[in-house]
Amino acid sequence: MKLAFLVQPVENIKESLKFYRDQLGFEEAWREGDHTIALKMPGTDVQLMIEDDELAFPPGGLFVVDSVDQYFAKNKDTITFVQEPMDIPPGRYAIFKDVSSNVIRILDFTKDK
């Protein structure tokens, strides 16, 4: 598991992009539709991902795994998943909670292979 993104849910993606880009100096790395923008943060390979379509979940890390489906199958009986594996453009995605109810997002890039 490798940290790839810090996810920051935002209410208004356009205003948030202006803040992170124009006020904090982050550079846009990529976009996915109208709801997700990744920003390069200076001094790290980890990107900040702002999105306005998952406001029900708090900020947190998004970790890359080899296979979301295998991770889910191995851990579904011992970890509380709040979003079971689903398709997203680069691969598969799921969300679970740690023992303090913090959300942890996982992603694989199986569609890129």
PDB file of N, CA and C in Angstrom:
ATOM      1  N   MET A   1       0.851  -1.161   0.000  1.00  0.00           N
ATOM      2  CA  MET A   1       0.000   0.000   0.000  1.00  0.00           C
ATOM      3  C   MET A   1       0.902   1.232   0.000  1.00  0.00           C
ATOM      4  N   LYS A   2       0.639   2.140  -0.951  1.00  0.00           N
ATOM      5  CA  LYS A   2       1.464   3.341  -1.089  1.00  0.00           C
ATOM      6  C   LYS A   2       0.561   4.562  -1.164  1.00  0.00           C
ATOM      7  N   LEU A   3       0.862   5.572  -0.342  1.00  0.00           N
ATOM      8  CA  LEU A   3       0.086   6.808  -0.358  1.00  0.00           C
ATOM      9  C   LEU A   3       0.313   7.538  -1.682  1.00  0.00           C
ATOM     10  N   ALA A   4      -0.776   7.845  -2.377  1.00  0.00           N
ATOM     11  CA  ALA A   4      -0.687   8.544  -3.652  1.00  0.00           C
ATOM     12  C   ALA A   4      -1.337   9.927  -3.599  1.00  0.00           C
ATOM     13  N   PHE A   5      -2.432  10.038  -2.848  1.00  0.00           N
ATOM     14  CA  PHE A   5      -3.187  11.286  -2.812  1.00  0.00           C
ATOM     15  C   PHE A   5      -3.649  11.597  -1.391  1.00  0.00           C
ATOM     16  N   LEU A   6      -3.753  12.859  -1.093  1.00  0.00           N
ATOM     17  CA  LEU A   6      -4.515  13.332   0.048  1.00  0.00           C
ATOM     18  C   LEU A   6      -5.823  13.830  -0.540  1.00  0.00           C
ATOM     19  N   VAL A   7      -6.926  13.277  -0.097  1.00  0.00           N
ATOM     20  CA  VAL A   7      -8.228  13.623  -0.656  1.00  0.00           C
ATOM     21  C   VAL A   7      -8.867  14.707   0.197  1.00  0.00           C
ATOM     22  N   GLN A   8      -9.295  15.765  -0.458  1.00  0.00           N
ATOM     23  CA  GLN A   8      -9.931  16.882   0.225  1.00  0.00           C
ATOM     24  C   GLN A   8     -11.301  17.123  -0.418  1.00  0.00           C
ATOM     25  N   PRO A   9     -12.381  16.623   0.192  1.00  0.00           N
ATOM     26  CA  PRO A   9     -13.709  16.923  -0.337  1.00  0.00           C
ATOM     27  C   PRO A   9     -13.983  18.429  -0.228  1.00  0.00           C
ATOM     28  N   VAL A  10     -14.550  18.999  -1.270  1.00  0.00           N
ATOM     29  CA  VAL A  10     -14.827  20.432  -1.302  1.00  0.00           C
ATOM     30  C   VAL A  10     -16.255  20.665  -1.779  1.00  0.00           C
ATOM     31  N   GLU A  11     -16.849  21.754  -1.329  1.00  0.00           N
ATOM     32  CA  GLU A  11     -18.217  22.068  -1.721  1.00  0.00           C
ATOM     33  C   GLU A  11     -18.288  22.713  -3.100  1.00  0.00           C
ATOM     34  N   ASN A  12     -17.275  23.477  -3.481  1.00  0.00           N
ATOM     35  CA  ASN A  12     -17.272  24.156  -4.767  1.00  0.00           C
ATOM     36  C   ASN A  12     -15.913  23.954  -5.411  1.00  0.00           C
ATOM     37  N   ILE A  13     -15.862  23.112  -6.419  1.00  0.00           N
ATOM     38  CA  ILE A  13     -14.569  22.743  -7.007  1.00  0.00           C
ATOM     39  C   ILE A  13     -13.896  23.925  -7.697  1.00  0.00           C
ATOM     40  N   LYS A  14     -14.662  24.796  -8.330  1.00  0.00           N
ATOM     41  CA  LYS A  14     -14.056  25.945  -9.019  1.00  0.00           C
ATOM     42  C   LYS A  14     -13.418  26.911  -8.025  1.00  0.00           C
ATOM     43  N   GLU A  15     -14.132  27.237  -6.960  1.00  0.00           N
ATOM     44  CA  GLU A  15     -13.563  28.125  -5.937  1.00  0.00           C
ATOM     45  C   GLU A  15     -12.367  27.477  -5.243  1.00  0.00           C
ATOM     46  N   SER A  16     -12.464  26.179  -4.983  1.00  0.00           N
ATOM     47  CA  SER A  16     -11.374  25.468  -4.316  1.00  0.00           C
ATOM     48  C   SER A  16     -10.142  25.412  -5.200  1.00  0.00           C
ATOM     49  N   LEU A  17     -10.325  25.186  -6.499  1.00  0.00           N
ATOM     50  CA  LEU A  17      -9.184  25.179  -7.414  1.00  0.00           C
ATOM     51  C   LEU A  17      -8.484  26.533  -7.390  1.00  0.00           C
ATOM     52  N   LYS A  18      -9.249  27.608  -7.432  1.00  0.00           N
ATOM     53  CA  LYS A  18      -8.645  28.945  -7.380  1.00  0.00           C
ATOM     54  C   LYS A  18      -7.832  29.117  -6.100  1.00  0.00           C
ATOM     55  N   PHE A  19      -8.372  28.655  -4.977  1.00  0.00           N
ATOM     56  CA  PHE A  19      -7.654  28.791  -3.703  1.00  0.00           C
ATOM     57  C   PHE A  19      -6.342  28.012  -3.719  1.00  0.00           C
ATOM     58  N   TYR A  20      -6.417  26.721  -4.043  1.00  0.00           N
ATOM     59  CA  TYR A  20      -5.212  25.890  -3.986  1.00  0.00           C
ATOM     60  C   TYR A  20      -4.189  26.287  -5.047  1.00  0.00           C
ATOM     61  N   ARG A  21      -4.664  26.657  -6.229  1.00  0.00           N
ATOM     62  CA  ARG A  21      -3.758  27.037  -7.309  1.00  0.00           C
ATOM     63  C   ARG A  21      -3.243  28.462  -7.122  1.00  0.00           C
ATOM     64  N   ASP A  22      -4.168  29.420  -6.975  1.00  0.00           N
ATOM     65  CA  ASP A  22      -3.778  30.833  -6.977  1.00  0.00           C
ATOM     66  C   ASP A  22      -3.254  31.325  -5.637  1.00  0.00           C
ATOM     67  N   GLN A  23      -3.815  30.822  -4.545  1.00  0.00           N
ATOM     68  CA  GLN A  23      -3.364  31.268  -3.227  1.00  0.00           C
ATOM     69  C   GLN A  23      -2.185  30.452  -2.702  1.00  0.00           C
ATOM     70  N   LEU A  24      -2.244  29.124  -2.889  1.00  0.00           N
ATOM     71  CA  LEU A  24      -1.201  28.260  -2.328  1.00  0.00           C
ATOM     72  C   LEU A  24      -0.127  27.877  -3.339  1.00  0.00           C
ATOM     73  N   GLY A  25      -0.363  28.135  -4.622  1.00  0.00           N
ATOM     74  CA  GLY A  25       0.651  27.884  -5.638  1.00  0.00           C
ATOM     75  C   GLY A  25       0.765  26.453  -6.118  1.00  0.00           C
ATOM     76  N   PHE A  26      -0.242  25.612  -5.834  1.00  0.00           N
ATOM     77  CA  PHE A  26      -0.197  24.242  -6.338  1.00  0.00           C
ATOM     78  C   PHE A  26      -0.471  24.245  -7.837  1.00  0.00           C
ATOM     79  N   GLU A  27       0.131  23.297  -8.550  1.00  0.00           N
ATOM     80  CA  GLU A  27      -0.077  23.174  -9.991  1.00  0.00           C
ATOM     81  C   GLU A  27      -1.057  22.048 -10.276  1.00  0.00           C
ATOM     82  N   GLU A  28      -1.914  22.269 -11.259  1.00  0.00           N
ATOM     83  CA  GLU A  28      -2.860  21.223 -11.646  1.00  0.00           C
ATOM     84  C   GLU A  28      -2.103  20.078 -12.315  1.00  0.00           C
ATOM     85  N   ALA A  29      -2.375  18.864 -11.868  1.00  0.00           N
ATOM     86  CA  ALA A  29      -1.727  17.675 -12.427  1.00  0.00           C
ATOM     87  C   ALA A  29      -2.631  16.991 -13.455  1.00  0.00           C
ATOM     88  N   TRP A  30      -3.914  16.834 -13.129  1.00  0.00           N
ATOM     89  CA  TRP A  30      -4.882  16.216 -14.033  1.00  0.00           C
ATOM     90  C   TRP A  30      -6.291  16.446 -13.512  1.00  0.00           C
ATOM     91  N   ARG A  31      -7.266  16.128 -14.365  1.00  0.00           N
ATOM     92  CA  ARG A  31      -8.688  16.228 -14.013  1.00  0.00           C
ATOM     93  C   ARG A  31      -9.388  14.953 -14.424  1.00  0.00           C
ATOM     94  N   GLU A  32     -10.452  14.652 -13.704  1.00  0.00           N
ATOM     95  CA  GLU A  32     -11.342  13.547 -14.086  1.00  0.00           C
ATOM     96  C   GLU A  32     -12.750  14.133 -14.100  1.00  0.00           C
ATOM     97  N   GLY A  33     -13.263  14.414 -15.278  1.00  0.00           N
ATOM     98  CA  GLY A  33     -14.592  14.987 -15.404  1.00  0.00           C
ATOM     99  C   GLY A  33     -14.677  16.361 -14.762  1.00  0.00           C
ATOM    100  N   ASP A  34     -15.851  16.690 -14.264  1.00  0.00           N
ATOM    101  CA  ASP A  34     -16.086  17.998 -13.652  1.00  0.00           C
ATOM    102  C   ASP A  34     -16.004  17.967 -12.135  1.00  0.00           C
ATOM    103  N   HIS A  35     -15.649  16.811 -11.559  1.00  0.00           N
ATOM    104  CA  HIS A  35     -15.751  16.668 -10.105  1.00  0.00           C
ATOM    105  C   HIS A  35     -14.440  16.384  -9.385  1.00  0.00           C
ATOM    106  N   THR A  36     -13.365  16.113 -10.103  1.00  0.00           N
ATOM    107  CA  THR A  36     -12.114  15.724  -9.456  1.00  0.00           C
ATOM    108  C   THR A  36     -10.931  16.407 -10.135  1.00  0.00           C
ATOM    109  N   ILE A  37     -10.079  17.031  -9.323  1.00  0.00           N
ATOM    110  CA  ILE A  37      -8.856  17.669  -9.826  1.00  0.00           C
ATOM    111  C   ILE A  37      -7.710  17.289  -8.896  1.00  0.00           C
ATOM    112  N   ALA A  38      -6.602  16.850  -9.473  1.00  0.00           N
ATOM    113  CA  ALA A  38      -5.401  16.554  -8.692  1.00  0.00           C
ATOM    114  C   ALA A  38      -4.421  17.709  -8.842  1.00  0.00           C
ATOM    115  N   LEU A  39      -3.753  18.022  -7.745  1.00  0.00           N
ATOM    116  CA  LEU A  39      -2.815  19.138  -7.711  1.00  0.00           C
ATOM    117  C   LEU A  39      -1.463  18.659  -7.211  1.00  0.00           C
ATOM    118  N   LYS A  40      -0.412  19.135  -7.868  1.00  0.00           N
ATOM    119  CA  LYS A  40       0.947  18.814  -7.445  1.00  0.00           C
ATOM    120  C   LYS A  40       1.293  19.670  -6.238  1.00  0.00           C
ATOM    121  N   MET A  41       1.829  19.006  -5.210  1.00  0.00           N
ATOM    122  CA  MET A  41       2.275  19.715  -4.017  1.00  0.00           C
ATOM    123  C   MET A  41       3.806  19.761  -4.030  1.00  0.00           C
ATOM    124  N   PRO A  42       4.381  20.916  -3.791  1.00  0.00           N
ATOM    125  CA  PRO A  42       5.839  21.047  -3.835  1.00  0.00           C
ATOM    126  C   PRO A  42       6.545  20.099  -2.868  1.00  0.00           C
ATOM    127  N   GLY A  43       7.633  19.503  -3.331  1.00  0.00           N
ATOM    128  CA  GLY A  43       8.485  18.701  -2.478  1.00  0.00           C
ATOM    129  C   GLY A  43       8.024  17.284  -2.203  1.00  0.00           C
ATOM    130  N   THR A  44       6.995  16.806  -2.915  1.00  0.00           N
ATOM    131  CA  THR A  44       6.502  15.451  -2.676  1.00  0.00           C
ATOM    132  C   THR A  44       5.895  14.870  -3.947  1.00  0.00           C
ATOM    133  N   ASP A  45       5.876  13.551  -4.018  1.00  0.00           N
ATOM    134  CA  ASP A  45       5.193  12.880  -5.122  1.00  0.00           C
ATOM    135  C   ASP A  45       3.709  12.694  -4.837  1.00  0.00           C
ATOM    136  N   VAL A  46       3.307  12.905  -3.588  1.00  0.00           N
ATOM    137  CA  VAL A  46       1.901  12.792  -3.213  1.00  0.00           C
ATOM    138  C   VAL A  46       1.160  14.013  -3.761  1.00  0.00           C
ATOM    139  N   GLN A  47      -0.014  13.781  -4.308  1.00  0.00           N
ATOM    140  CA  GLN A  47      -0.815  14.867  -4.854  1.00  0.00           C
ATOM    141  C   GLN A  47      -2.024  15.131  -3.962  1.00  0.00           C
ATOM    142  N   LEU A  48      -2.523  16.359  -4.005  1.00  0.00           N
ATOM    143  CA  LEU A  48      -3.759  16.714  -3.339  1.00  0.00           C
ATOM    144  C   LEU A  48      -4.878  16.546  -4.357  1.00  0.00           C
ATOM    145  N   MET A  49      -5.882  15.774  -4.009  1.00  0.00           N
ATOM    146  CA  MET A  49      -7.008  15.557  -4.908  1.00  0.00           C
ATOM    147  C   MET A  49      -8.226  16.235  -4.295  1.00  0.00           C
ATOM    148  N   ILE A  50      -8.753  17.244  -5.002  1.00  0.00           N
ATOM    149  CA  ILE A  50      -9.977  17.885  -4.543  1.00  0.00           C
ATOM    150  C   ILE A  50     -11.129  17.330  -5.365  1.00  0.00           C
ATOM    151  N   GLU A  51     -12.245  17.098  -4.689  1.00  0.00           N
ATOM    152  CA  GLU A  51     -13.405  16.536  -5.380  1.00  0.00           C
ATOM    153  C   GLU A  51     -14.673  17.005  -4.695  1.00  0.00           C
ATOM    154  N   ASP A  52     -15.719  17.163  -5.488  1.00  0.00           N
ATOM    155  CA  ASP A  52     -16.979  17.633  -4.926  1.00  0.00           C
ATOM    156  C   ASP A  52     -18.100  16.608  -5.032  1.00  0.00           C
ATOM    157  N   ASP A  53     -17.748  15.352  -5.236  1.00  0.00           N
ATOM    158  CA  ASP A  53     -18.796  14.331  -5.383  1.00  0.00           C
ATOM    159  C   ASP A  53     -18.812  13.288  -4.273  1.00  0.00           C
ATOM    160  N   GLU A  54     -17.984  13.446  -3.237  1.00  0.00           N
ATOM    161  CA  GLU A  54     -17.975  12.527  -2.096  1.00  0.00           C
ATOM    162  C   GLU A  54     -17.984  13.310  -0.793  1.00  0.00           C
ATOM    163  N   LEU A  55     -18.894  14.241  -0.665  1.00  0.00           N
ATOM    164  CA  LEU A  55     -18.935  15.091   0.526  1.00  0.00           C
ATOM    165  C   LEU A  55     -19.341  14.332   1.786  1.00  0.00           C
ATOM    166  N   ALA A  56     -19.900  13.148   1.629  1.00  0.00           N
ATOM    167  CA  ALA A  56     -20.308  12.358   2.795  1.00  0.00           C
ATOM    168  C   ALA A  56     -19.100  11.790   3.549  1.00  0.00           C
ATOM    169  N   PHE A  57     -17.950  11.745   2.887  1.00  0.00           N
ATOM    170  CA  PHE A  57     -16.751  11.191   3.515  1.00  0.00           C
ATOM    171  C   PHE A  57     -15.767  12.319   3.820  1.00  0.00           C
ATOM    172  N   PRO A  58     -15.091  12.254   4.970  1.00  0.00           N
ATOM    173  CA  PRO A  58     -14.137  13.305   5.344  1.00  0.00           C
ATOM    174  C   PRO A  58     -12.829  13.184   4.563  1.00  0.00           C
ATOM    175  N   PRO A  59     -11.946  14.167   4.719  1.00  0.00           N
ATOM    176  CA  PRO A  59     -10.632  14.096   4.087  1.00  0.00           C
ATOM    177  C   PRO A  59      -9.862  12.875   4.575  1.00  0.00           C
ATOM    178  N   GLY A  60      -8.892  12.463   3.780  1.00  0.00           N
ATOM    179  CA  GLY A  60      -8.052  11.344   4.176  1.00  0.00           C
ATOM    180  C   GLY A  60      -7.117  10.929   3.060  1.00  0.00           C
ATOM    181  N   GLY A  61      -6.360   9.892   3.319  1.00  0.00           N
ATOM    182  CA  GLY A  61      -5.413   9.397   2.334  1.00  0.00           C
ATOM    183  C   GLY A  61      -6.065   8.457   1.340  1.00  0.00           C
ATOM    184  N   LEU A  62      -5.499   8.435   0.147  1.00  0.00           N
ATOM    185  CA  LEU A  62      -5.882   7.466  -0.873  1.00  0.00           C
ATOM    186  C   LEU A  62      -4.626   6.679  -1.204  1.00  0.00           C
ATOM    187  N   PHE A  63      -4.702   5.368  -0.998  1.00  0.00           N
ATOM    188  CA  PHE A  63      -3.543   4.497  -1.148  1.00  0.00           C
ATOM    189  C   PHE A  63      -3.707   3.599  -2.357  1.00  0.00           C
ATOM    190  N   VAL A  64      -2.630   3.402  -3.084  1.00  0.00           N
ATOM    191  CA  VAL A  64      -2.628   2.500  -4.232  1.00  0.00           C
ATOM    192  C   VAL A  64      -2.295   1.096  -3.745  1.00  0.00           C
ATOM    193  N   VAL A  65      -3.093   0.131  -4.195  1.00  0.00           N
ATOM    194  CA  VAL A  65      -2.857  -1.286  -3.933  1.00  0.00           C
ATOM    195  C   VAL A  65      -2.798  -2.011  -5.272  1.00  0.00           C
ATOM    196  N   ASP A  66      -2.263  -3.211  -5.274  1.00  0.00           N
ATOM    197  CA  ASP A  66      -2.182  -3.971  -6.518  1.00  0.00           C
ATOM    198  C   ASP A  66      -3.557  -4.334  -7.053  1.00  0.00           C
ATOM    199  N   SER A  67      -4.452  -4.741  -6.153  1.00  0.00           N
ATOM    200  CA  SER A  67      -5.797  -5.139  -6.555  1.00  0.00           C
ATOM    201  C   SER A  67      -6.785  -4.796  -5.443  1.00  0.00           C
ATOM    202  N   VAL A  68      -7.699  -3.895  -5.723  1.00  0.00           N
ATOM    203  CA  VAL A  68      -8.735  -3.553  -4.753  1.00  0.00           C
ATOM    204  C   VAL A  68      -9.597  -4.771  -4.456  1.00  0.00           C
ATOM    205  N   ASP A  69      -9.941  -5.545  -5.483  1.00  0.00           N
ATOM    206  CA  ASP A  69     -10.791  -6.718  -5.281  1.00  0.00           C
ATOM    207  C   ASP A  69     -10.126  -7.755  -4.381  1.00  0.00           C
ATOM    208  N   GLN A  70      -8.843  -7.988  -4.579  1.00  0.00           N
ATOM    209  CA  GLN A  70      -8.136  -8.939  -3.721  1.00  0.00           C
ATOM    210  C   GLN A  70      -8.021  -8.407  -2.295  1.00  0.00           C
ATOM    211  N   TYR A  71      -7.753  -7.115  -2.147  1.00  0.00           N
ATOM    212  CA  TYR A  71      -7.666  -6.509  -0.819  1.00  0.00           C
ATOM    213  C   TYR A  71      -9.006  -6.630  -0.098  1.00  0.00           C
ATOM    214  N   PHE A  72     -10.083  -6.350  -0.807  1.00  0.00           N
ATOM    215  CA  PHE A  72     -11.424  -6.460  -0.237  1.00  0.00           C
ATOM    216  C   PHE A  72     -11.719  -7.900   0.180  1.00  0.00           C
ATOM    217  N   ALA A  73     -11.455  -8.852  -0.713  1.00  0.00           N
ATOM    218  CA  ALA A  73     -11.735 -10.262  -0.417  1.00  0.00           C
ATOM    219  C   ALA A  73     -10.957 -10.737   0.812  1.00  0.00           C
ATOM    220  N   LYS A  74      -9.721 -10.305   0.924  1.00  0.00           N
ATOM    221  CA  LYS A  74      -8.868 -10.727   2.042  1.00  0.00           C
ATOM    222  C   LYS A  74      -9.294 -10.086   3.368  1.00  0.00           C
ATOM    223  N   ASN A  75      -9.858  -8.860   3.333  1.00  0.00           N
ATOM    224  CA  ASN A  75     -10.094  -8.096   4.561  1.00  0.00           C
ATOM    225  C   ASN A  75     -11.555  -7.800   4.894  1.00  0.00           C
ATOM    226  N   LYS A  76     -12.498  -8.194   4.053  1.00  0.00           N
ATOM    227  CA  LYS A  76     -13.901  -7.793   4.254  1.00  0.00           C
ATOM    228  C   LYS A  76     -14.510  -8.288   5.560  1.00  0.00           C
ATOM    229  N   ASP A  77     -13.971  -9.354   6.130  1.00  0.00           N
ATOM    230  CA  ASP A  77     -14.513  -9.880   7.377  1.00  0.00           C
ATOM    231  C   ASP A  77     -13.903  -9.226   8.617  1.00  0.00           C
ATOM    232  N   THR A  78     -12.827  -8.460   8.440  1.00  0.00           N
ATOM    233  CA  THR A  78     -12.149  -7.856   9.589  1.00  0.00           C
ATOM    234  C   THR A  78     -12.065  -6.339   9.513  1.00  0.00           C
ATOM    235  N   ILE A  79     -12.407  -5.763   8.370  1.00  0.00           N
ATOM    236  CA  ILE A  79     -12.371  -4.314   8.169  1.00  0.00           C
ATOM    237  C   ILE A  79     -13.762  -3.856   7.755  1.00  0.00           C
ATOM    238  N   THR A  80     -14.181  -2.690   8.245  1.00  0.00           N
ATOM    239  CA  THR A  80     -15.486  -2.140   7.884  1.00  0.00           C
ATOM    240  C   THR A  80     -15.370  -1.310   6.608  1.00  0.00           C
ATOM    241  N   PHE A  81     -15.867  -1.860   5.527  1.00  0.00           N
ATOM    242  CA  PHE A  81     -15.884  -1.141   4.248  1.00  0.00           C
ATOM    243  C   PHE A  81     -17.151  -0.303   4.167  1.00  0.00           C
ATOM    244  N   VAL A  82     -16.998   0.977   3.871  1.00  0.00           N
ATOM    245  CA  VAL A  82     -18.144   1.877   3.715  1.00  0.00           C
ATOM    246  C   VAL A  82     -18.452   2.119   2.240  1.00  0.00           C
ATOM    247  N   GLN A  83     -17.545   1.730   1.369  1.00  0.00           N
ATOM    248  CA  GLN A  83     -17.757   1.732  -0.080  1.00  0.00           C
ATOM    249  C   GLN A  83     -17.086   0.478  -0.619  1.00  0.00           C
ATOM    250  N   GLU A  84     -17.892  -0.479  -1.043  1.00  0.00           N
ATOM    251  CA  GLU A  84     -17.323  -1.700  -1.600  1.00  0.00           C
ATOM    252  C   GLU A  84     -16.678  -1.390  -2.948  1.00  0.00           C
ATOM    253  N   PRO A  85     -15.832  -2.294  -3.442  1.00  0.00           N
ATOM    254  CA  PRO A  85     -15.135  -2.036  -4.699  1.00  0.00           C
ATOM    255  C   PRO A  85     -16.085  -1.642  -5.827  1.00  0.00           C
ATOM    256  N   MET A  86     -15.636  -0.621  -6.571  1.00  0.00           N
ATOM    257  CA  MET A  86     -16.408  -0.125  -7.695  1.00  0.00           C
ATOM    258  C   MET A  86     -15.455   0.317  -8.801  1.00  0.00           C
ATOM    259  N   ASP A  87     -15.974   0.382  -9.999  1.00  0.00           N
ATOM    260  CA  ASP A  87     -15.180   0.855 -11.132  1.00  0.00           C
ATOM    261  C   ASP A  87     -15.090   2.372 -11.126  1.00  0.00           C
ATOM    262  N   ILE A  88     -13.892   2.876 -11.405  1.00  0.00           N
ATOM    263  CA  ILE A  88     -13.676   4.281 -11.704  1.00  0.00           C
ATOM    264  C   ILE A  88     -12.737   4.310 -12.904  1.00  0.00           C
ATOM    265  N   PRO A  89     -12.576   5.446 -13.573  1.00  0.00           N
ATOM    266  CA  PRO A  89     -11.814   5.441 -14.825  1.00  0.00           C
ATOM    267  C   PRO A  89     -10.448   4.739 -14.810  1.00  0.00           C
ATOM    268  N   PRO A  90      -9.590   4.912 -13.785  1.00  0.00           N
ATOM    269  CA  PRO A  90      -8.307   4.211 -13.896  1.00  0.00           C
ATOM    270  C   PRO A  90      -8.313   2.763 -13.424  1.00  0.00           C
ATOM    271  N   GLY A  91      -9.374   2.325 -12.712  1.00  0.00           N
ATOM    272  CA  GLY A  91      -9.363   0.955 -12.190  1.00  0.00           C
ATOM    273  C   GLY A  91     -10.492   0.695 -11.223  1.00  0.00           C
ATOM    274  N   ARG A  92     -10.133   0.213 -10.018  1.00  0.00           N
ATOM    275  CA  ARG A  92     -11.121  -0.118  -8.986  1.00  0.00           C
ATOM    276  C   ARG A  92     -10.829   0.723  -7.746  1.00  0.00           C
ATOM    277  N   TYR A  93     -11.883   0.958  -6.942  1.00  0.00           N
ATOM    278  CA  TYR A  93     -11.811   1.895  -5.828  1.00  0.00           C
ATOM    279  C   TYR A  93     -12.700   1.389  -4.713  1.00  0.00           C
ATOM    280  N   ALA A  94     -12.269   1.583  -3.455  1.00  0.00           N
ATOM    281  CA  ALA A  94     -13.079   1.225  -2.286  1.00  0.00           C
ATOM    282  C   ALA A  94     -12.672   2.125  -1.118  1.00  0.00           C
ATOM    283  N   ILE A  95     -13.530   2.144  -0.099  1.00  0.00           N
ATOM    284  CA  ILE A  95     -13.249   2.936   1.100  1.00  0.00           C
ATOM    285  C   ILE A  95     -13.561   2.091   2.325  1.00  0.00           C
ATOM    286  N   PHE A  96     -12.661   2.124   3.313  1.00  0.00           N
ATOM    287  CA  PHE A  96     -12.932   1.454   4.589  1.00  0.00           C
ATOM    288  C   PHE A  96     -12.567   2.378   5.738  1.00  0.00           C
ATOM    289  N   LYS A  97     -12.951   1.975   6.948  1.00  0.00           N
ATOM    290  CA  LYS A  97     -12.650   2.763   8.146  1.00  0.00           C
ATOM    291  C   LYS A  97     -11.604   2.054   8.990  1.00  0.00           C
ATOM    292  N   ASP A  98     -10.749   2.865   9.612  1.00  0.00           N
ATOM    293  CA  ASP A  98      -9.807   2.294  10.565  1.00  0.00           C
ATOM    294  C   ASP A  98     -10.499   2.162  11.928  1.00  0.00           C
ATOM    295  N   VAL A  99      -9.769   1.767  12.948  1.00  0.00           N
ATOM    296  CA  VAL A  99     -10.365   1.520  14.265  1.00  0.00           C
ATOM    297  C   VAL A  99     -10.843   2.795  14.959  1.00  0.00           C
ATOM    298  N   SER A 100     -10.456   3.966  14.444  1.00  0.00           N
ATOM    299  CA  SER A 100     -10.919   5.246  14.978  1.00  0.00           C
ATOM    300  C   SER A 100     -11.961   5.902  14.074  1.00  0.00           C
ATOM    301  N   SER A 101     -12.467   5.138  13.122  1.00  0.00           N
ATOM    302  CA  SER A 101     -13.477   5.586  12.152  1.00  0.00           C
ATOM    303  C   SER A 101     -12.965   6.603  11.136  1.00  0.00           C
ATOM    304  N   ASN A 102     -11.654   6.701  10.955  1.00  0.00           N
ATOM    305  CA  ASN A 102     -11.095   7.503   9.865  1.00  0.00           C
ATOM    306  C   ASN A 102     -11.267   6.725   8.568  1.00  0.00           C
ATOM    307  N   VAL A 103     -11.559   7.423   7.479  1.00  0.00           N
ATOM    308  CA  VAL A 103     -11.703   6.717   6.206  1.00  0.00           C
ATOM    309  C   VAL A 103     -10.365   6.565   5.511  1.00  0.00           C
ATOM    310  N   ILE A 104     -10.204   5.409   4.898  1.00  0.00           N
ATOM    311  CA  ILE A 104      -9.029   5.105   4.103  1.00  0.00           C
ATOM    312  C   ILE A 104      -9.529   4.655   2.736  1.00  0.00           C
ATOM    313  N   ARG A 105      -9.074   5.352   1.712  1.00  0.00           N
ATOM    314  CA  ARG A 105      -9.471   5.037   0.342  1.00  0.00           C
ATOM    315  C   ARG A 105      -8.373   4.199  -0.297  1.00  0.00           C
ATOM    316  N   ILE A 106      -8.777   3.213  -1.094  1.00  0.00           N
ATOM    317  CA  ILE A 106      -7.801   2.419  -1.836  1.00  0.00           C
ATOM    318  C   ILE A 106      -8.185   2.430  -3.310  1.00  0.00           C
ATOM    319  N   LEU A 107      -7.184   2.312  -4.150  1.00  0.00           N
ATOM    320  CA  LEU A 107      -7.342   2.407  -5.596  1.00  0.00           C
ATOM    321  C   LEU A 107      -6.348   1.478  -6.260  1.00  0.00           C
ATOM    322  N   ASP A 108      -6.759   0.887  -7.355  1.00  0.00           N
ATOM    323  CA  ASP A 108      -5.781   0.219  -8.207  1.00  0.00           C
ATOM    324  C   ASP A 108      -5.896   0.816  -9.604  1.00  0.00           C
ATOM    325  N   PHE A 109      -4.870   0.609 -10.389  1.00  0.00           N
ATOM    326  CA  PHE A 109      -4.839   1.142 -11.743  1.00  0.00           C
ATOM    327  C   PHE A 109      -4.978   0.010 -12.758  1.00  0.00           C
ATOM    328  N   THR A 110      -5.902  -0.895 -12.514  1.00  0.00           N
ATOM    329  CA  THR A 110      -6.053  -2.071 -13.370  1.00  0.00           C
ATOM    330  C   THR A 110      -6.501  -1.725 -14.785  1.00  0.00           C
ATOM    331  N   LYS A 111      -7.185  -0.611 -14.984  1.00  0.00           N
ATOM    332  CA  LYS A 111      -7.603  -0.240 -16.339  1.00  0.00           C
ATOM    333  C   LYS A 111      -6.453   0.334 -17.147  1.00  0.00           C
ATOM    334  N   ASP A 112      -5.374   0.729 -16.471  1.00  0.00           N
ATOM    335  CA  ASP A 112      -4.203   1.252 -17.164  1.00  0.00           C
ATOM    336  C   ASP A 112      -3.266   0.139 -17.640  1.00  0.00           C
ATOM    337  N   LYS A 113      -3.563  -1.095 -17.220  1.00  0.00           N
ATOM    338  CA  LYS A 113      -2.663  -2.207 -17.559  1.00  0.00           C
ATOM    339  C   LYS A 113      -3.066  -2.869 -18.846  1.00  0.00           C
TER     340      LYS A 113
END
